[in-house]
Amino acid sequence: ENHGGGPVGIGTIAAAIDEDKDTLESIYEPFLMRIGFLERTLRGRRVTAKAYSHLGYKGPIADQGGLFD
């Protein structure tokens, strides 16, 4: 809700949930990517449509991307 699905940097996520950045990258991120809820982009991490659906949210309107996407 706060970041519109991303992309968001790992440091921002870590601060938002009060978790160590290394723990996020080594424990949570691989699991969330494996089940299709999170993807890594050049601009940061994004929540997928599958994650929105699972949580009962409508996904954000697709952005136009950045200049270098």
PDB file of N, CA and C in Angstrom:
ATOM      1  N   GLU A   1       0.817  -1.196   0.000  1.00  0.00           N
ATOM      2  CA  GLU A   1       0.000   0.000   0.000  1.00  0.00           C
ATOM      3  C   GLU A   1       0.861   1.261   0.000  1.00  0.00           C
ATOM      4  N   ASN A   2       1.965   1.231   0.719  1.00  0.00           N
ATOM      5  CA  ASN A   2       2.776   2.443   0.861  1.00  0.00           C
ATOM      6  C   ASN A   2       3.607   2.777  -0.364  1.00  0.00           C
ATOM      7  N   HIS A   3       3.986   1.775  -1.137  1.00  0.00           N
ATOM      8  CA  HIS A   3       4.880   2.028  -2.264  1.00  0.00           C
ATOM      9  C   HIS A   3       4.274   1.601  -3.594  1.00  0.00           C
ATOM     10  N   GLY A   4       3.002   1.317  -3.637  1.00  0.00           N
ATOM     11  CA  GLY A   4       2.318   0.989  -4.878  1.00  0.00           C
ATOM     12  C   GLY A   4       2.844  -0.258  -5.559  1.00  0.00           C
ATOM     13  N   GLY A   5       3.388  -1.188  -4.822  1.00  0.00           N
ATOM     14  CA  GLY A   5       3.891  -2.423  -5.422  1.00  0.00           C
ATOM     15  C   GLY A   5       5.338  -2.360  -5.845  1.00  0.00           C
ATOM     16  N   GLY A   6       5.955  -1.204  -5.750  1.00  0.00           N
ATOM     17  CA  GLY A   6       7.372  -1.090  -6.060  1.00  0.00           C
ATOM     18  C   GLY A   6       7.606  -0.381  -7.370  1.00  0.00           C
ATOM     19  N   PRO A   7       8.815  -0.367  -7.836  1.00  0.00           N
ATOM     20  CA  PRO A   7       9.975  -1.016  -7.238  1.00  0.00           C
ATOM     21  C   PRO A   7      10.485  -0.267  -6.011  1.00  0.00           C
ATOM     22  N   VAL A   8      10.995  -1.047  -5.078  1.00  0.00           N
ATOM     23  CA  VAL A   8      11.508  -0.512  -3.819  1.00  0.00           C
ATOM     24  C   VAL A   8      12.842  -1.182  -3.527  1.00  0.00           C
ATOM     25  N   GLY A   9      13.798  -0.422  -3.034  1.00  0.00           N
ATOM     26  CA  GLY A   9      15.102  -0.965  -2.688  1.00  0.00           C
ATOM     27  C   GLY A   9      15.047  -1.830  -1.440  1.00  0.00           C
ATOM     28  N   ILE A  10      15.999  -2.738  -1.336  1.00  0.00           N
ATOM     29  CA  ILE A  10      16.039  -3.663  -0.202  1.00  0.00           C
ATOM     30  C   ILE A  10      16.206  -2.920   1.124  1.00  0.00           C
ATOM     31  N   GLY A  11      16.924  -1.817   1.115  1.00  0.00           N
ATOM     32  CA  GLY A  11      17.092  -1.027   2.335  1.00  0.00           C
ATOM     33  C   GLY A  11      15.778  -0.429   2.820  1.00  0.00           C
ATOM     34  N   THR A  12      14.944  -0.002   1.893  1.00  0.00           N
ATOM     35  CA  THR A  12      13.635   0.546   2.237  1.00  0.00           C
ATOM     36  C   THR A  12      12.740  -0.526   2.843  1.00  0.00           C
ATOM     37  N   ILE A  13      12.760  -1.708   2.238  1.00  0.00           N
ATOM     38  CA  ILE A  13      11.961  -2.819   2.759  1.00  0.00           C
ATOM     39  C   ILE A  13      12.440  -3.187   4.162  1.00  0.00           C
ATOM     40  N   ALA A  14      13.748  -3.294   4.330  1.00  0.00           N
ATOM     41  CA  ALA A  14      14.315  -3.658   5.629  1.00  0.00           C
ATOM     42  C   ALA A  14      13.903  -2.660   6.709  1.00  0.00           C
ATOM     43  N   ALA A  15      13.965  -1.384   6.393  1.00  0.00           N
ATOM     44  CA  ALA A  15      13.582  -0.360   7.364  1.00  0.00           C
ATOM     45  C   ALA A  15      12.087  -0.421   7.676  1.00  0.00           C
ATOM     46  N   ALA A  16      11.270  -0.689   6.668  1.00  0.00           N
ATOM     47  CA  ALA A  16       9.815  -0.714   6.859  1.00  0.00           C
ATOM     48  C   ALA A  16       9.366  -1.840   7.779  1.00  0.00           C
ATOM     49  N   ILE A  17      10.069  -2.970   7.738  1.00  0.00           N
ATOM     50  CA  ILE A  17       9.648  -4.107   8.569  1.00  0.00           C
ATOM     51  C   ILE A  17      10.616  -4.382   9.716  1.00  0.00           C
ATOM     52  N   ASP A  18      11.582  -3.495   9.903  1.00  0.00           N
ATOM     53  CA  ASP A  18      12.553  -3.606  10.996  1.00  0.00           C
ATOM     54  C   ASP A  18      13.265  -4.958  10.984  1.00  0.00           C
ATOM     55  N   GLU A  19      13.799  -5.298   9.823  1.00  0.00           N
ATOM     56  CA  GLU A  19      14.526  -6.560   9.646  1.00  0.00           C
ATOM     57  C   GLU A  19      15.875  -6.247   9.017  1.00  0.00           C
ATOM     58  N   ASP A  20      16.858  -7.073   9.274  1.00  0.00           N
ATOM     59  CA  ASP A  20      18.192  -6.903   8.711  1.00  0.00           C
ATOM     60  C   ASP A  20      18.165  -7.151   7.203  1.00  0.00           C
ATOM     61  N   LYS A  21      18.846  -6.294   6.460  1.00  0.00           N
ATOM     62  CA  LYS A  21      18.894  -6.401   4.999  1.00  0.00           C
ATOM     63  C   LYS A  21      19.419  -7.760   4.542  1.00  0.00           C
ATOM     64  N   ASP A  22      20.469  -8.250   5.184  1.00  0.00           N
ATOM     65  CA  ASP A  22      21.047  -9.544   4.798  1.00  0.00           C
ATOM     66  C   ASP A  22      20.070 -10.694   5.035  1.00  0.00           C
ATOM     67  N   THR A  23      19.291 -10.613   6.102  1.00  0.00           N
ATOM     68  CA  THR A  23      18.282 -11.638   6.378  1.00  0.00           C
ATOM     69  C   THR A  23      17.217 -11.631   5.290  1.00  0.00           C
ATOM     70  N   LEU A  24      16.791 -10.452   4.888  1.00  0.00           N
ATOM     71  CA  LEU A  24      15.803 -10.360   3.808  1.00  0.00           C
ATOM     72  C   LEU A  24      16.324 -11.005   2.536  1.00  0.00           C
ATOM     73  N   GLU A  25      17.560 -10.675   2.172  1.00  0.00           N
ATOM     74  CA  GLU A  25      18.131 -11.183   0.920  1.00  0.00           C
ATOM     75  C   GLU A  25      18.406 -12.680   0.955  1.00  0.00           C
ATOM     76  N   SER A  26      18.745 -13.220   2.107  1.00  0.00           N
ATOM     77  CA  SER A  26      19.120 -14.638   2.158  1.00  0.00           C
ATOM     78  C   SER A  26      17.984 -15.570   2.563  1.00  0.00           C
ATOM     79  N   ILE A  27      16.991 -15.081   3.290  1.00  0.00           N
ATOM     80  CA  ILE A  27      15.911 -15.943   3.782  1.00  0.00           C
ATOM     81  C   ILE A  27      14.581 -15.666   3.079  1.00  0.00           C
ATOM     82  N   TYR A  28      14.075 -14.460   3.211  1.00  0.00           N
ATOM     83  CA  TYR A  28      12.727 -14.151   2.729  1.00  0.00           C
ATOM     84  C   TYR A  28      12.643 -13.984   1.215  1.00  0.00           C
ATOM     85  N   GLU A  29      13.573 -13.230   0.647  1.00  0.00           N
ATOM     86  CA  GLU A  29      13.503 -12.934  -0.782  1.00  0.00           C
ATOM     87  C   GLU A  29      13.512 -14.186  -1.663  1.00  0.00           C
ATOM     88  N   PRO A  30      14.410 -15.150  -1.448  1.00  0.00           N
ATOM     89  CA  PRO A  30      14.378 -16.350  -2.305  1.00  0.00           C
ATOM     90  C   PRO A  30      13.045 -17.094  -2.238  1.00  0.00           C
ATOM     91  N   PHE A  31      12.463 -17.189  -1.044  1.00  0.00           N
ATOM     92  CA  PHE A  31      11.176 -17.869  -0.899  1.00  0.00           C
ATOM     93  C   PHE A  31      10.080 -17.118  -1.646  1.00  0.00           C
ATOM     94  N   LEU A  32       9.996 -15.802  -1.451  1.00  0.00           N
ATOM     95  CA  LEU A  32       8.960 -15.015  -2.115  1.00  0.00           C
ATOM     96  C   LEU A  32       9.115 -15.034  -3.631  1.00  0.00           C
ATOM     97  N   MET A  33      10.343 -15.075  -4.115  1.00  0.00           N
ATOM     98  CA  MET A  33      10.571 -15.177  -5.557  1.00  0.00           C
ATOM     99  C   MET A  33      10.186 -16.560  -6.070  1.00  0.00           C
ATOM    100  N   ARG A  34      10.513 -17.591  -5.317  1.00  0.00           N
ATOM    101  CA  ARG A  34      10.213 -18.963  -5.715  1.00  0.00           C
ATOM    102  C   ARG A  34       8.704 -19.188  -5.853  1.00  0.00           C
ATOM    103  N   ILE A  35       7.918 -18.597  -4.960  1.00  0.00           N
ATOM    104  CA  ILE A  35       6.470 -18.791  -5.044  1.00  0.00           C
ATOM    105  C   ILE A  35       5.790 -17.753  -5.938  1.00  0.00           C
ATOM    106  N   GLY A  36       6.584 -16.862  -6.539  1.00  0.00           N
ATOM    107  CA  GLY A  36       6.056 -15.924  -7.519  1.00  0.00           C
ATOM    108  C   GLY A  36       5.426 -14.665  -6.954  1.00  0.00           C
ATOM    109  N   PHE A  37       5.764 -14.295  -5.728  1.00  0.00           N
ATOM    110  CA  PHE A  37       5.192 -13.104  -5.111  1.00  0.00           C
ATOM    111  C   PHE A  37       6.085 -11.873  -5.244  1.00  0.00           C
ATOM    112  N   LEU A  38       7.343 -12.054  -5.595  1.00  0.00           N
ATOM    113  CA  LEU A  38       8.298 -10.957  -5.643  1.00  0.00           C
ATOM    114  C   LEU A  38       9.199 -11.124  -6.851  1.00  0.00           C
ATOM    115  N   GLU A  39       9.530 -10.009  -7.485  1.00  0.00           N
ATOM    116  CA  GLU A  39      10.502 -10.050  -8.576  1.00  0.00           C
ATOM    117  C   GLU A  39      11.517  -8.936  -8.386  1.00  0.00           C
ATOM    118  N   ARG A  40      12.731  -9.201  -8.833  1.00  0.00           N
ATOM    119  CA  ARG A  40      13.798  -8.201  -8.765  1.00  0.00           C
ATOM    120  C   ARG A  40      13.909  -7.540 -10.125  1.00  0.00           C
ATOM    121  N   THR A  41      14.005  -6.226 -10.120  1.00  0.00           N
ATOM    122  CA  THR A  41      14.211  -5.473 -11.347  1.00  0.00           C
ATOM    123  C   THR A  41      15.460  -4.623 -11.163  1.00  0.00           C
ATOM    124  N   LEU A  42      15.858  -3.949 -12.202  1.00  0.00           N
ATOM    125  CA  LEU A  42      17.010  -3.055 -12.095  1.00  0.00           C
ATOM    126  C   LEU A  42      16.730  -1.907 -11.127  1.00  0.00           C
ATOM    127  N   ARG A  43      15.461  -1.570 -10.952  1.00  0.00           N
ATOM    128  CA  ARG A  43      15.077  -0.443 -10.096  1.00  0.00           C
ATOM    129  C   ARG A  43      14.725  -0.857  -8.675  1.00  0.00           C
ATOM    130  N   GLY A  44      14.671  -2.149  -8.383  1.00  0.00           N
ATOM    131  CA  GLY A  44      14.329  -2.603  -7.036  1.00  0.00           C
ATOM    132  C   GLY A  44      13.418  -3.814  -7.064  1.00  0.00           C
ATOM    133  N   ARG A  45      12.796  -4.103  -5.930  1.00  0.00           N
ATOM    134  CA  ARG A  45      11.896  -5.257  -5.821  1.00  0.00           C
ATOM    135  C   ARG A  45      10.471  -4.814  -6.086  1.00  0.00           C
ATOM    136  N   ARG A  46       9.715  -5.693  -6.765  1.00  0.00           N
ATOM    137  CA  ARG A  46       8.310  -5.423  -7.066  1.00  0.00           C
ATOM    138  C   ARG A  46       7.450  -6.573  -6.584  1.00  0.00           C
ATOM    139  N   VAL A  47       6.276  -6.242  -6.100  1.00  0.00           N
ATOM    140  CA  VAL A  47       5.278  -7.244  -5.747  1.00  0.00           C
ATOM    141  C   VAL A  47       4.572  -7.645  -7.040  1.00  0.00           C
ATOM    142  N   THR A  48       4.330  -8.940  -7.213  1.00  0.00           N
ATOM    143  CA  THR A  48       3.699  -9.427  -8.439  1.00  0.00           C
ATOM    144  C   THR A  48       2.175  -9.410  -8.332  1.00  0.00           C
ATOM    145  N   ALA A  49       1.524  -9.571  -9.482  1.00  0.00           N
ATOM    146  CA  ALA A  49       0.062  -9.666  -9.524  1.00  0.00           C
ATOM    147  C   ALA A  49      -0.415 -10.861  -8.709  1.00  0.00           C
ATOM    148  N   LYS A  50       0.354 -11.941  -8.716  1.00  0.00           N
ATOM    149  CA  LYS A  50       0.001 -13.135  -7.941  1.00  0.00           C
ATOM    150  C   LYS A  50      -0.051 -12.817  -6.445  1.00  0.00           C
ATOM    151  N   ALA A  51       0.887 -12.020  -5.964  1.00  0.00           N
ATOM    152  CA  ALA A  51       0.897 -11.636  -4.547  1.00  0.00           C
ATOM    153  C   ALA A  51      -0.305 -10.763  -4.216  1.00  0.00           C
ATOM    154  N   TYR A  52      -0.606  -9.802  -5.091  1.00  0.00           N
ATOM    155  CA  TYR A  52      -1.780  -8.961  -4.869  1.00  0.00           C
ATOM    156  C   TYR A  52      -3.038  -9.812  -4.776  1.00  0.00           C
ATOM    157  N   SER A  53      -3.191 -10.740  -5.701  1.00  0.00           N
ATOM    158  CA  SER A  53      -4.360 -11.612  -5.719  1.00  0.00           C
ATOM    159  C   SER A  53      -4.450 -12.434  -4.434  1.00  0.00           C
ATOM    160  N   HIS A  54      -3.325 -12.990  -4.015  1.00  0.00           N
ATOM    161  CA  HIS A  54      -3.286 -13.806  -2.802  1.00  0.00           C
ATOM    162  C   HIS A  54      -3.718 -13.011  -1.567  1.00  0.00           C
ATOM    163  N   LEU A  55      -3.338 -11.745  -1.525  1.00  0.00           N
ATOM    164  CA  LEU A  55      -3.654 -10.892  -0.379  1.00  0.00           C
ATOM    165  C   LEU A  55      -5.017 -10.212  -0.495  1.00  0.00           C
ATOM    166  N   GLY A  56      -5.701 -10.429  -1.626  1.00  0.00           N
ATOM    167  CA  GLY A  56      -7.026  -9.855  -1.811  1.00  0.00           C
ATOM    168  C   GLY A  56      -7.035  -8.407  -2.251  1.00  0.00           C
ATOM    169  N   TYR A  57      -5.935  -7.944  -2.838  1.00  0.00           N
ATOM    170  CA  TYR A  57      -5.844  -6.579  -3.332  1.00  0.00           C
ATOM    171  C   TYR A  57      -5.933  -6.569  -4.848  1.00  0.00           C
ATOM    172  N   LYS A  58      -6.384  -5.447  -5.385  1.00  0.00           N
ATOM    173  CA  LYS A  58      -6.269  -5.236  -6.823  1.00  0.00           C
ATOM    174  C   LYS A  58      -4.861  -4.706  -7.053  1.00  0.00           C
ATOM    175  N   GLY A  59      -4.223  -5.158  -8.099  1.00  0.00           N
ATOM    176  CA  GLY A  59      -2.865  -4.714  -8.389  1.00  0.00           C
ATOM    177  C   GLY A  59      -2.832  -3.258  -8.804  1.00  0.00           C
ATOM    178  N   PRO A  60      -1.667  -2.640  -8.712  1.00  0.00           N
ATOM    179  CA  PRO A  60      -1.536  -1.243  -9.133  1.00  0.00           C
ATOM    180  C   PRO A  60      -1.647  -1.132 -10.644  1.00  0.00           C
ATOM    181  N   ILE A  61      -1.991   0.043 -11.096  1.00  0.00           N
ATOM    182  CA  ILE A  61      -2.012   0.296 -12.535  1.00  0.00           C
ATOM    183  C   ILE A  61      -0.578   0.214 -13.022  1.00  0.00           C
ATOM    184  N   ALA A  62      -0.362  -0.526 -14.099  1.00  0.00           N
ATOM    185  CA  ALA A  62       0.995  -0.709 -14.623  1.00  0.00           C
ATOM    186  C   ALA A  62       1.589   0.639 -15.003  1.00  0.00           C
ATOM    187  N   ASP A  63       2.810   0.866 -14.539  1.00  0.00           N
ATOM    188  CA  ASP A  63       3.460   2.125 -14.883  1.00  0.00           C
ATOM    189  C   ASP A  63       4.082   2.016 -16.264  1.00  0.00           C
ATOM    190  N   GLN A  64       4.544   3.122 -16.771  1.00  0.00           N
ATOM    191  CA  GLN A  64       5.125   3.148 -18.102  1.00  0.00           C
ATOM    192  C   GLN A  64       6.583   2.729 -18.098  1.00  0.00           C
ATOM    193  N   GLY A  65       7.132   2.485 -16.938  1.00  0.00           N
ATOM    194  CA  GLY A  65       8.539   2.107 -16.861  1.00  0.00           C
ATOM    195  C   GLY A  65       9.424   3.330 -16.879  1.00  0.00           C
ATOM    196  N   GLY A  66      10.670   3.097 -16.606  1.00  0.00           N
ATOM    197  CA  GLY A  66      11.624   4.185 -16.592  1.00  0.00           C
ATOM    198  C   GLY A  66      12.345   4.310 -17.917  1.00  0.00           C
ATOM    199  N   LEU A  67      13.157   5.285 -18.015  1.00  0.00           N
ATOM    200  CA  LEU A  67      13.906   5.545 -19.232  1.00  0.00           C
ATOM    201  C   LEU A  67      14.805   4.381 -19.604  1.00  0.00           C
ATOM    202  N   PHE A  68      15.364   3.682 -18.616  1.00  0.00           N
ATOM    203  CA  PHE A  68      16.319   2.615 -18.894  1.00  0.00           C
ATOM    204  C   PHE A  68      15.790   1.226 -18.580  1.00  0.00           C
ATOM    205  N   ASP A  69      14.480   1.048 -18.482  1.00  0.00           N
ATOM    206  CA  ASP A  69      13.906  -0.279 -18.220  1.00  0.00           C
ATOM    207  C   ASP A  69      13.943  -1.134 -19.471  1.00  0.00           C
TER     208      ASP A  69
END
